């Protein structure tokens, strides 16, 4: 229900997202399951949905690849905002001061995030974990603010060193479906 952030302060925990979904109050989580399953089926890779919580990101929904080598990120996993395509998405549209703080120690640069904003998607090759590649796109709330990141991830051998070429459009389409669901409920 609660967790601690990097400074030791208490913050809302990942279980609250599960409770909200169970209560039917969270439109994003209610819509995420079918969208992530479709994204997994289209790309053949594991799909995840992340939300930012302080200096961390939490996997709030996932659809794992059914067989073979896969990148598994269990729901509730807390990952740093310093590496990975989902972290790039969640950082790219931040306020300048928060962006500057977030870039300290990050595996990506302000220039890279500028490219993310221009393209509308991010990719990562071995950034979060050696041998793993990913592609992510922003999910926007009714006010057009980035509220989550939808991603696909898997081994570099399958996604190649240019995973965006293979999967950016599918991830962008999934993000657009989630964004539209939030706008309709909005």
N, C-alpha and C. Protein backbone atom coordinates (compact mmCIF):
# COMPACT_ATOMS: atom_id res chain seq x y z
N UNK A 1 0.82 -1.21 0.00
CA UNK A 1 0.00 0.00 0.00
C UNK A 1 0.86 1.26 0.00
N UNK A 2 1.97 1.23 0.75
CA UNK A 2 2.88 2.37 0.77
C UNK A 2 4.29 1.86 0.51
N UNK A 3 5.12 2.78 0.06
CA UNK A 3 6.53 2.46 -0.20
C UNK A 3 7.33 3.69 0.20
N UNK A 4 8.63 3.59 0.06
CA UNK A 4 9.50 4.74 0.34
C UNK A 4 10.20 5.14 -0.96
N UNK A 5 10.36 6.46 -1.15
CA UNK A 5 11.10 6.92 -2.32
C UNK A 5 12.59 6.96 -1.99
N UNK A 6 13.39 7.48 -2.91
CA UNK A 6 14.85 7.48 -2.75
C UNK A 6 15.31 8.31 -1.55
N UNK A 7 14.50 9.26 -1.12
CA UNK A 7 14.85 10.09 0.04
C UNK A 7 14.27 9.52 1.34
N UNK A 8 13.63 8.35 1.27
CA UNK A 8 13.08 7.73 2.46
C UNK A 8 11.68 8.19 2.83
N UNK A 9 11.09 9.06 1.99
CA UNK A 9 9.72 9.53 2.28
C UNK A 9 8.72 8.47 1.90
N UNK A 10 7.59 8.45 2.59
CA UNK A 10 6.52 7.52 2.24
C UNK A 10 5.79 8.01 1.00
N UNK A 11 5.50 7.08 0.09
CA UNK A 11 4.75 7.38 -1.13
C UNK A 11 3.70 6.28 -1.33
N UNK A 12 2.74 6.53 -2.22
CA UNK A 12 1.74 5.52 -2.52
C UNK A 12 2.40 4.31 -3.16
N UNK A 13 1.97 3.12 -2.76
CA UNK A 13 2.57 1.89 -3.27
C UNK A 13 1.85 1.33 -4.48
N UNK A 14 2.46 0.36 -5.16
CA UNK A 14 1.89 -0.21 -6.38
C UNK A 14 0.58 -0.96 -6.15
N UNK A 15 0.35 -1.45 -4.97
CA UNK A 15 -0.90 -2.18 -4.70
C UNK A 15 -2.13 -1.29 -4.81
N UNK A 16 -1.96 0.02 -4.58
CA UNK A 16 -3.11 0.93 -4.71
C UNK A 16 -3.62 0.95 -6.14
N UNK A 17 -2.72 0.84 -7.12
CA UNK A 17 -3.15 0.80 -8.53
C UNK A 17 -3.99 -0.45 -8.77
N UNK A 18 -3.60 -1.56 -8.18
CA UNK A 18 -4.37 -2.80 -8.33
C UNK A 18 -5.76 -2.64 -7.71
N UNK A 19 -5.82 -2.02 -6.53
CA UNK A 19 -7.12 -1.82 -5.88
C UNK A 19 -8.00 -0.88 -6.70
N UNK A 20 -7.41 0.18 -7.24
CA UNK A 20 -8.19 1.11 -8.06
C UNK A 20 -8.76 0.41 -9.28
N UNK A 21 -7.95 -0.44 -9.92
CA UNK A 21 -8.44 -1.17 -11.08
C UNK A 21 -9.56 -2.11 -10.69
N UNK A 22 -9.41 -2.79 -9.56
CA UNK A 22 -10.44 -3.71 -9.09
C UNK A 22 -11.74 -2.97 -8.80
N UNK A 23 -11.63 -1.76 -8.34
CA UNK A 23 -12.82 -0.96 -8.04
C UNK A 23 -13.40 -0.31 -9.29
N UNK A 24 -12.71 -0.44 -10.40
CA UNK A 24 -13.21 0.12 -11.65
C UNK A 24 -13.02 1.61 -11.79
N UNK A 25 -12.16 2.20 -10.94
CA UNK A 25 -11.99 3.65 -10.96
C UNK A 25 -10.87 4.10 -11.89
N UNK A 26 -10.00 3.22 -12.28
CA UNK A 26 -8.84 3.60 -13.06
C UNK A 26 -9.04 3.20 -14.52
N UNK A 27 -9.43 4.15 -15.34
CA UNK A 27 -9.74 3.88 -16.75
C UNK A 27 -8.52 3.38 -17.51
N UNK A 28 -7.35 3.91 -17.16
CA UNK A 28 -6.14 3.48 -17.84
C UNK A 28 -5.88 2.00 -17.59
N UNK A 29 -5.93 1.57 -16.36
CA UNK A 29 -5.69 0.16 -16.05
C UNK A 29 -6.80 -0.73 -16.59
N UNK A 30 -8.02 -0.23 -16.58
CA UNK A 30 -9.14 -1.02 -17.11
C UNK A 30 -8.98 -1.27 -18.61
N UNK A 31 -8.40 -0.34 -19.32
CA UNK A 31 -8.21 -0.44 -20.77
C UNK A 31 -6.90 -1.13 -21.13
N UNK A 32 -5.93 -1.08 -20.23
CA UNK A 32 -4.57 -1.53 -20.54
C UNK A 32 -4.49 -3.01 -20.92
N UNK A 33 -5.21 -3.88 -20.24
CA UNK A 33 -5.10 -5.31 -20.50
C UNK A 33 -5.26 -5.69 -21.96
N UNK A 34 -6.41 -5.38 -22.57
CA UNK A 34 -6.60 -5.73 -23.98
C UNK A 34 -5.62 -5.02 -24.92
N UNK A 35 -5.25 -3.78 -24.62
CA UNK A 35 -4.33 -3.05 -25.48
C UNK A 35 -2.94 -3.69 -25.42
N UNK A 36 -2.47 -4.03 -24.21
CA UNK A 36 -1.16 -4.66 -24.07
C UNK A 36 -1.14 -6.06 -24.69
N UNK A 37 -2.23 -6.79 -24.54
CA UNK A 37 -2.31 -8.12 -25.15
C UNK A 37 -2.22 -8.00 -26.66
N UNK A 38 -2.93 -7.05 -27.24
CA UNK A 38 -2.87 -6.82 -28.69
C UNK A 38 -1.46 -6.42 -29.11
N UNK A 39 -0.84 -5.53 -28.36
CA UNK A 39 0.52 -5.09 -28.67
C UNK A 39 1.49 -6.28 -28.60
N UNK A 40 1.36 -7.11 -27.60
CA UNK A 40 2.19 -8.31 -27.50
C UNK A 40 1.99 -9.21 -28.71
N UNK A 41 0.74 -9.42 -29.09
CA UNK A 41 0.44 -10.31 -30.22
C UNK A 41 0.95 -9.75 -31.55
N UNK A 42 0.87 -8.44 -31.73
CA UNK A 42 1.32 -7.81 -32.97
C UNK A 42 2.85 -7.82 -33.08
N UNK A 43 3.53 -7.57 -31.97
CA UNK A 43 4.99 -7.48 -31.99
C UNK A 43 5.68 -8.81 -31.68
N UNK A 44 5.00 -9.70 -30.99
CA UNK A 44 5.62 -10.94 -30.56
C UNK A 44 6.52 -10.76 -29.35
N UNK A 45 6.46 -9.59 -28.71
CA UNK A 45 7.31 -9.28 -27.55
C UNK A 45 6.46 -8.92 -26.33
N UNK A 46 7.09 -8.97 -25.16
CA UNK A 46 6.41 -8.59 -23.92
C UNK A 46 6.06 -7.10 -23.97
N UNK A 47 4.89 -6.75 -23.44
CA UNK A 47 4.42 -5.36 -23.42
C UNK A 47 4.16 -4.93 -21.98
N UNK A 48 4.49 -3.68 -21.68
CA UNK A 48 4.31 -3.16 -20.33
C UNK A 48 3.72 -1.75 -20.36
N UNK A 49 3.12 -1.38 -19.23
CA UNK A 49 2.64 -0.02 -19.02
C UNK A 49 3.27 0.47 -17.73
N UNK A 50 3.92 1.64 -17.80
CA UNK A 50 4.60 2.22 -16.64
C UNK A 50 4.00 3.56 -16.27
N UNK A 51 3.98 3.84 -14.97
CA UNK A 51 3.63 5.16 -14.45
C UNK A 51 4.80 5.65 -13.61
N UNK A 52 4.99 6.96 -13.62
CA UNK A 52 6.04 7.55 -12.79
C UNK A 52 5.51 7.73 -11.38
N UNK A 53 6.39 7.46 -10.42
CA UNK A 53 6.08 7.72 -9.02
C UNK A 53 7.35 8.26 -8.39
N UNK A 54 7.42 9.58 -8.25
CA UNK A 54 8.63 10.22 -7.72
C UNK A 54 9.80 10.00 -8.66
N UNK A 55 10.87 9.47 -8.12
CA UNK A 55 12.08 9.21 -8.90
C UNK A 55 12.12 7.80 -9.47
N UNK A 56 11.00 7.11 -9.44
CA UNK A 56 10.94 5.73 -9.91
C UNK A 56 9.79 5.60 -10.91
N UNK A 57 9.77 4.48 -11.60
CA UNK A 57 8.63 4.13 -12.44
C UNK A 57 8.16 2.75 -12.02
N UNK A 58 6.86 2.56 -12.11
CA UNK A 58 6.25 1.30 -11.67
C UNK A 58 5.55 0.65 -12.84
N UNK A 59 5.77 -0.64 -13.01
CA UNK A 59 5.03 -1.39 -14.01
C UNK A 59 3.64 -1.65 -13.44
N UNK A 60 2.62 -1.05 -14.06
CA UNK A 60 1.25 -1.16 -13.54
C UNK A 60 0.41 -2.17 -14.32
N UNK A 61 0.92 -2.62 -15.48
CA UNK A 61 0.22 -3.65 -16.26
C UNK A 61 1.24 -4.26 -17.23
N UNK A 62 1.03 -5.53 -17.57
CA UNK A 62 1.95 -6.21 -18.48
C UNK A 62 1.25 -7.35 -19.20
N UNK A 63 1.75 -7.67 -20.39
CA UNK A 63 1.32 -8.84 -21.15
C UNK A 63 2.61 -9.51 -21.62
N UNK A 64 2.93 -10.64 -21.00
CA UNK A 64 4.20 -11.31 -21.28
C UNK A 64 4.13 -12.15 -22.55
N UNK A 65 5.24 -12.23 -23.24
CA UNK A 65 5.39 -13.12 -24.39
C UNK A 65 5.06 -14.53 -23.91
N UNK A 66 4.36 -15.29 -24.72
CA UNK A 66 3.84 -16.58 -24.27
C UNK A 66 4.89 -17.67 -24.19
N UNK A 67 5.93 -17.60 -25.03
CA UNK A 67 6.95 -18.64 -25.00
C UNK A 67 8.28 -18.08 -25.48
N UNK A 68 9.33 -18.83 -25.26
CA UNK A 68 10.65 -18.43 -25.71
C UNK A 68 11.28 -17.40 -24.80
N UNK A 69 12.44 -16.92 -25.21
CA UNK A 69 13.17 -15.92 -24.45
C UNK A 69 12.37 -14.63 -24.41
N UNK A 70 12.22 -14.05 -23.22
CA UNK A 70 11.43 -12.83 -23.07
C UNK A 70 11.97 -11.97 -21.94
N UNK A 71 11.63 -10.71 -21.99
CA UNK A 71 11.95 -9.79 -20.92
C UNK A 71 10.71 -9.70 -20.04
N UNK A 72 10.81 -10.20 -18.82
CA UNK A 72 9.68 -10.21 -17.91
C UNK A 72 9.82 -9.08 -16.90
N UNK A 73 8.80 -8.21 -16.83
CA UNK A 73 8.73 -7.16 -15.83
C UNK A 73 7.41 -7.36 -15.10
N UNK A 74 7.44 -7.97 -13.91
CA UNK A 74 6.19 -8.24 -13.19
C UNK A 74 5.46 -6.95 -12.80
N UNK A 75 4.14 -7.00 -12.80
CA UNK A 75 3.34 -5.88 -12.34
C UNK A 75 3.75 -5.57 -10.90
N UNK A 76 3.94 -4.30 -10.61
CA UNK A 76 4.39 -3.87 -9.29
C UNK A 76 5.88 -3.63 -9.21
N UNK A 77 6.63 -4.04 -10.25
CA UNK A 77 8.08 -3.81 -10.25
C UNK A 77 8.37 -2.31 -10.26
N UNK A 78 9.33 -1.92 -9.45
CA UNK A 78 9.76 -0.52 -9.38
C UNK A 78 11.13 -0.44 -10.02
N UNK A 79 11.26 0.42 -11.01
CA UNK A 79 12.51 0.59 -11.73
C UNK A 79 12.94 2.05 -11.67
N UNK A 80 14.25 2.31 -11.77
CA UNK A 80 14.72 3.69 -11.73
C UNK A 80 14.36 4.46 -13.01
N UNK A 81 14.38 5.76 -12.88
CA UNK A 81 14.10 6.65 -14.01
C UNK A 81 15.38 7.04 -14.75
N UNK A 82 16.45 6.31 -14.53
CA UNK A 82 17.76 6.66 -15.08
C UNK A 82 18.10 5.91 -16.37
N UNK A 83 17.31 4.90 -16.74
CA UNK A 83 17.64 4.10 -17.92
C UNK A 83 16.38 3.45 -18.48
N UNK A 84 16.40 3.19 -19.79
CA UNK A 84 15.30 2.50 -20.46
C UNK A 84 14.42 3.45 -21.24
N UNK A 85 13.76 2.90 -22.26
CA UNK A 85 12.93 3.74 -23.12
C UNK A 85 11.71 4.29 -22.38
N UNK A 86 11.13 3.52 -21.45
CA UNK A 86 9.97 4.03 -20.69
C UNK A 86 10.38 5.21 -19.82
N UNK A 87 11.56 5.13 -19.21
CA UNK A 87 12.05 6.26 -18.41
C UNK A 87 12.26 7.49 -19.29
N UNK A 88 12.78 7.28 -20.51
CA UNK A 88 12.97 8.40 -21.43
C UNK A 88 11.63 9.09 -21.73
N UNK A 89 10.60 8.28 -21.96
CA UNK A 89 9.27 8.84 -22.25
C UNK A 89 8.75 9.62 -21.05
N UNK A 90 8.85 9.04 -19.88
CA UNK A 90 8.31 9.69 -18.69
C UNK A 90 9.11 10.95 -18.30
N UNK A 91 10.36 11.05 -18.76
CA UNK A 91 11.19 12.23 -18.49
C UNK A 91 11.07 13.30 -19.58
N UNK A 92 10.87 12.91 -20.81
CA UNK A 92 11.00 13.82 -21.96
C UNK A 92 10.10 15.05 -21.89
N UNK A 93 8.93 14.93 -21.34
CA UNK A 93 7.99 16.06 -21.31
C UNK A 93 7.88 16.69 -19.92
N UNK A 94 8.86 16.46 -19.06
CA UNK A 94 8.86 17.03 -17.71
C UNK A 94 9.14 18.54 -17.74
N UNK A 95 8.78 19.19 -16.65
CA UNK A 95 9.14 20.60 -16.46
C UNK A 95 10.66 20.71 -16.48
N UNK A 96 11.21 21.83 -16.97
CA UNK A 96 12.67 21.96 -17.11
C UNK A 96 13.47 21.66 -15.84
N UNK A 97 13.02 22.16 -14.69
CA UNK A 97 13.77 21.93 -13.46
C UNK A 97 13.78 20.44 -13.08
N UNK A 98 12.63 19.80 -13.17
CA UNK A 98 12.55 18.37 -12.85
C UNK A 98 13.33 17.54 -13.88
N UNK A 99 13.29 17.96 -15.13
CA UNK A 99 14.05 17.29 -16.18
C UNK A 99 15.54 17.37 -15.88
N UNK A 100 16.02 18.56 -15.53
CA UNK A 100 17.44 18.75 -15.24
C UNK A 100 17.88 17.86 -14.08
N UNK A 101 17.09 17.82 -13.01
CA UNK A 101 17.41 16.95 -11.86
C UNK A 101 17.41 15.49 -12.27
N UNK A 102 16.42 15.09 -13.09
CA UNK A 102 16.29 13.70 -13.50
C UNK A 102 17.41 13.22 -14.40
N UNK A 103 18.05 14.13 -15.12
CA UNK A 103 19.13 13.74 -16.02
C UNK A 103 20.44 13.46 -15.28
N UNK A 104 20.55 13.88 -14.03
CA UNK A 104 21.76 13.63 -13.27
C UNK A 104 21.91 12.12 -13.03
N UNK A 105 22.95 11.55 -13.61
CA UNK A 105 23.21 10.12 -13.47
C UNK A 105 22.44 9.24 -14.44
N UNK A 106 21.67 9.85 -15.34
CA UNK A 106 20.87 9.08 -16.30
C UNK A 106 21.76 8.53 -17.41
N UNK A 107 21.32 7.44 -18.03
CA UNK A 107 22.06 6.83 -19.15
C UNK A 107 21.68 7.48 -20.48
N UNK A 108 20.83 8.51 -20.45
CA UNK A 108 20.44 9.25 -21.64
C UNK A 108 20.66 10.74 -21.38
N UNK A 109 20.65 11.53 -22.44
CA UNK A 109 20.97 12.95 -22.35
C UNK A 109 19.76 13.82 -22.70
N UNK A 110 19.90 15.13 -22.45
CA UNK A 110 18.86 16.08 -22.85
C UNK A 110 18.68 16.06 -24.36
N UNK A 111 19.77 15.89 -25.10
CA UNK A 111 19.69 15.83 -26.56
C UNK A 111 18.88 14.61 -26.99
N UNK A 112 19.11 13.48 -26.34
CA UNK A 112 18.34 12.27 -26.66
C UNK A 112 16.86 12.50 -26.38
N UNK A 113 16.54 13.17 -25.27
CA UNK A 113 15.13 13.42 -24.94
C UNK A 113 14.49 14.40 -25.92
N UNK A 114 15.27 15.31 -26.46
CA UNK A 114 14.76 16.20 -27.49
C UNK A 114 14.34 15.39 -28.72
N UNK A 115 15.15 14.40 -29.08
CA UNK A 115 14.80 13.50 -30.19
C UNK A 115 13.55 12.69 -29.89
N UNK A 116 13.39 12.28 -28.63
CA UNK A 116 12.19 11.54 -28.22
C UNK A 116 10.96 12.41 -28.42
N UNK A 117 11.02 13.66 -27.98
CA UNK A 117 9.88 14.57 -28.15
C UNK A 117 9.57 14.78 -29.62
N UNK A 118 10.58 14.92 -30.45
CA UNK A 118 10.38 15.14 -31.88
C UNK A 118 9.75 13.92 -32.56
N UNK A 119 10.26 12.72 -32.26
CA UNK A 119 9.77 11.48 -32.88
C UNK A 119 8.43 11.01 -32.29
N UNK A 120 8.28 11.23 -30.98
CA UNK A 120 7.09 10.72 -30.29
C UNK A 120 7.27 9.31 -29.75
N UNK A 121 8.48 8.79 -29.74
CA UNK A 121 8.78 7.47 -29.18
C UNK A 121 10.25 7.41 -28.78
N UNK A 122 10.59 6.43 -27.95
CA UNK A 122 11.97 6.25 -27.48
C UNK A 122 12.37 4.80 -27.67
N UNK A 123 13.67 4.58 -27.81
CA UNK A 123 14.18 3.22 -27.85
C UNK A 123 15.37 3.11 -26.90
N UNK A 124 15.62 1.90 -26.48
CA UNK A 124 16.74 1.62 -25.58
C UNK A 124 17.38 0.32 -26.02
N UNK A 125 18.70 0.30 -26.05
CA UNK A 125 19.43 -0.91 -26.42
C UNK A 125 20.43 -1.19 -25.31
N UNK A 126 20.12 -2.15 -24.45
CA UNK A 126 21.00 -2.51 -23.35
C UNK A 126 21.16 -1.44 -22.30
N UNK A 127 20.26 -0.48 -22.24
CA UNK A 127 20.38 0.65 -21.32
C UNK A 127 19.98 0.26 -19.90
N UNK A 128 18.83 -0.38 -19.75
CA UNK A 128 18.34 -0.79 -18.43
C UNK A 128 18.96 -2.11 -18.01
N UNK A 129 19.11 -3.02 -18.96
CA UNK A 129 19.64 -4.34 -18.68
C UNK A 129 20.40 -4.83 -19.91
N UNK A 130 21.62 -5.36 -19.72
CA UNK A 130 22.38 -5.85 -20.87
C UNK A 130 21.59 -6.91 -21.64
N UNK A 131 21.63 -6.80 -22.97
CA UNK A 131 20.96 -7.79 -23.82
C UNK A 131 19.49 -7.53 -24.09
N UNK A 132 18.93 -6.48 -23.46
CA UNK A 132 17.50 -6.18 -23.62
C UNK A 132 17.32 -4.87 -24.38
N UNK A 133 16.41 -4.87 -25.33
CA UNK A 133 16.05 -3.67 -26.08
C UNK A 133 14.57 -3.37 -25.83
N UNK A 134 14.19 -2.11 -26.01
CA UNK A 134 12.79 -1.74 -25.82
C UNK A 134 12.44 -0.53 -26.66
N UNK A 135 11.13 -0.37 -26.86
CA UNK A 135 10.56 0.79 -27.55
C UNK A 135 9.37 1.25 -26.73
N UNK A 136 9.23 2.56 -26.53
CA UNK A 136 8.14 3.10 -25.71
C UNK A 136 7.53 4.33 -26.35
N UNK A 137 6.28 4.61 -25.98
CA UNK A 137 5.58 5.80 -26.45
C UNK A 137 4.73 6.36 -25.32
N UNK A 138 4.42 7.66 -25.36
CA UNK A 138 3.68 8.29 -24.27
C UNK A 138 2.17 8.07 -24.34
N UNK A 139 1.59 7.89 -23.17
CA UNK A 139 0.14 7.87 -23.00
C UNK A 139 -0.21 9.20 -22.34
N UNK A 140 -1.15 9.92 -22.93
CA UNK A 140 -1.50 11.25 -22.43
C UNK A 140 -2.89 11.25 -21.80
N UNK A 141 -3.00 12.03 -20.74
CA UNK A 141 -4.29 12.19 -20.07
C UNK A 141 -5.13 13.23 -20.77
N UNK A 142 -6.34 13.50 -20.24
CA UNK A 142 -7.25 14.46 -20.87
C UNK A 142 -6.64 15.86 -21.05
N UNK A 143 -5.69 16.25 -20.19
CA UNK A 143 -5.07 17.57 -20.31
C UNK A 143 -3.86 17.55 -21.24
N UNK A 144 -3.63 16.44 -21.92
CA UNK A 144 -2.51 16.23 -22.84
C UNK A 144 -1.18 16.02 -22.13
N UNK A 145 -1.21 15.89 -20.81
CA UNK A 145 0.00 15.62 -20.03
C UNK A 145 0.35 14.14 -20.13
N UNK A 146 1.64 13.81 -20.22
CA UNK A 146 2.07 12.41 -20.26
C UNK A 146 1.82 11.80 -18.89
N UNK A 147 1.01 10.74 -18.86
CA UNK A 147 0.65 10.10 -17.59
C UNK A 147 1.21 8.69 -17.47
N UNK A 148 1.69 8.13 -18.58
CA UNK A 148 2.21 6.76 -18.57
C UNK A 148 3.05 6.53 -19.82
N UNK A 149 3.73 5.41 -19.82
CA UNK A 149 4.51 4.99 -20.98
C UNK A 149 4.17 3.55 -21.30
N UNK A 150 3.85 3.29 -22.55
CA UNK A 150 3.59 1.92 -23.00
C UNK A 150 4.83 1.45 -23.75
N UNK A 151 5.22 0.18 -23.51
CA UNK A 151 6.49 -0.33 -24.02
C UNK A 151 6.38 -1.76 -24.52
N UNK A 152 7.30 -2.12 -25.42
CA UNK A 152 7.58 -3.51 -25.72
C UNK A 152 9.06 -3.72 -25.45
N UNK A 153 9.40 -4.91 -24.97
CA UNK A 153 10.80 -5.20 -24.67
C UNK A 153 11.10 -6.66 -24.95
N UNK A 154 12.36 -6.91 -25.27
CA UNK A 154 12.79 -8.27 -25.55
C UNK A 154 14.28 -8.30 -25.84
N UNK A 155 14.80 -9.46 -26.19
CA UNK A 155 16.23 -9.58 -26.44
C UNK A 155 16.68 -8.79 -27.67
N UNK A 156 17.86 -8.20 -27.57
CA UNK A 156 18.42 -7.43 -28.68
C UNK A 156 18.51 -8.30 -29.94
N UNK A 157 18.76 -9.58 -29.78
CA UNK A 157 18.88 -10.46 -30.94
C UNK A 157 17.63 -10.44 -31.81
N UNK A 158 16.46 -10.27 -31.19
CA UNK A 158 15.21 -10.21 -31.96
C UNK A 158 14.83 -8.78 -32.32
N UNK A 159 15.00 -7.87 -31.37
CA UNK A 159 14.59 -6.48 -31.61
C UNK A 159 15.64 -5.69 -32.39
N UNK A 160 16.83 -6.21 -32.49
CA UNK A 160 17.97 -5.61 -33.18
C UNK A 160 18.48 -4.36 -32.45
N UNK A 161 19.49 -3.74 -33.02
CA UNK A 161 20.05 -2.52 -32.44
C UNK A 161 19.24 -1.29 -32.85
N UNK A 162 18.16 -1.50 -33.59
CA UNK A 162 17.25 -0.42 -34.02
C UNK A 162 15.81 -0.87 -33.78
N UNK A 163 15.43 -1.10 -32.52
CA UNK A 163 14.09 -1.64 -32.24
C UNK A 163 12.96 -0.72 -32.67
N UNK A 164 13.23 0.59 -32.73
CA UNK A 164 12.20 1.53 -33.16
C UNK A 164 11.76 1.29 -34.60
N UNK A 165 12.69 0.88 -35.44
CA UNK A 165 12.33 0.59 -36.84
C UNK A 165 11.30 -0.53 -36.91
N UNK A 166 11.43 -1.50 -36.03
CA UNK A 166 10.53 -2.66 -36.04
C UNK A 166 9.20 -2.38 -35.37
N UNK A 167 9.24 -1.69 -34.21
CA UNK A 167 8.05 -1.66 -33.36
C UNK A 167 7.52 -0.28 -32.97
N UNK A 168 8.15 0.80 -33.41
CA UNK A 168 7.68 2.12 -32.99
C UNK A 168 6.22 2.35 -33.35
N UNK A 169 5.82 2.01 -34.57
CA UNK A 169 4.44 2.29 -34.98
C UNK A 169 3.43 1.51 -34.15
N UNK A 170 3.71 0.26 -33.86
CA UNK A 170 2.79 -0.55 -33.04
C UNK A 170 2.67 0.02 -31.63
N UNK A 171 3.79 0.50 -31.07
CA UNK A 171 3.77 1.07 -29.72
C UNK A 171 3.04 2.41 -29.73
N UNK A 172 3.28 3.22 -30.75
CA UNK A 172 2.56 4.50 -30.89
C UNK A 172 1.05 4.25 -31.00
N UNK A 173 0.65 3.26 -31.79
CA UNK A 173 -0.77 2.93 -31.94
C UNK A 173 -1.39 2.50 -30.61
N UNK A 174 -0.66 1.69 -29.84
CA UNK A 174 -1.16 1.25 -28.53
C UNK A 174 -1.30 2.45 -27.60
N UNK A 175 -0.31 3.33 -27.60
CA UNK A 175 -0.38 4.53 -26.76
C UNK A 175 -1.57 5.41 -27.15
N UNK A 176 -1.82 5.52 -28.45
CA UNK A 176 -2.95 6.32 -28.93
C UNK A 176 -4.28 5.71 -28.47
N UNK A 177 -4.39 4.38 -28.47
CA UNK A 177 -5.62 3.73 -27.99
C UNK A 177 -5.84 4.01 -26.51
N UNK A 178 -4.77 3.95 -25.73
CA UNK A 178 -4.89 4.23 -24.29
C UNK A 178 -5.20 5.71 -24.05
N UNK A 179 -4.57 6.59 -24.82
CA UNK A 179 -4.83 8.03 -24.69
C UNK A 179 -6.28 8.32 -25.01
N UNK A 180 -6.80 7.72 -26.07
CA UNK A 180 -8.21 7.94 -26.46
C UNK A 180 -9.15 7.44 -25.38
N UNK A 181 -8.86 6.32 -24.77
CA UNK A 181 -9.71 5.80 -23.68
C UNK A 181 -9.73 6.78 -22.51
N UNK A 182 -8.59 7.39 -22.20
CA UNK A 182 -8.55 8.37 -21.11
C UNK A 182 -9.32 9.63 -21.48
N UNK A 183 -9.23 10.05 -22.71
CA UNK A 183 -9.94 11.27 -23.13
C UNK A 183 -11.46 11.04 -23.10
N UNK A 184 -11.90 9.86 -23.51
CA UNK A 184 -13.34 9.55 -23.48
C UNK A 184 -13.87 9.53 -22.04
N UNK A 185 -13.03 9.09 -21.11
CA UNK A 185 -13.50 8.99 -19.73
C UNK A 185 -13.32 10.29 -18.97
N UNK A 186 -12.59 11.23 -19.59
CA UNK A 186 -12.26 12.36 -19.03
C UNK A 186 -12.30 13.53 -18.42
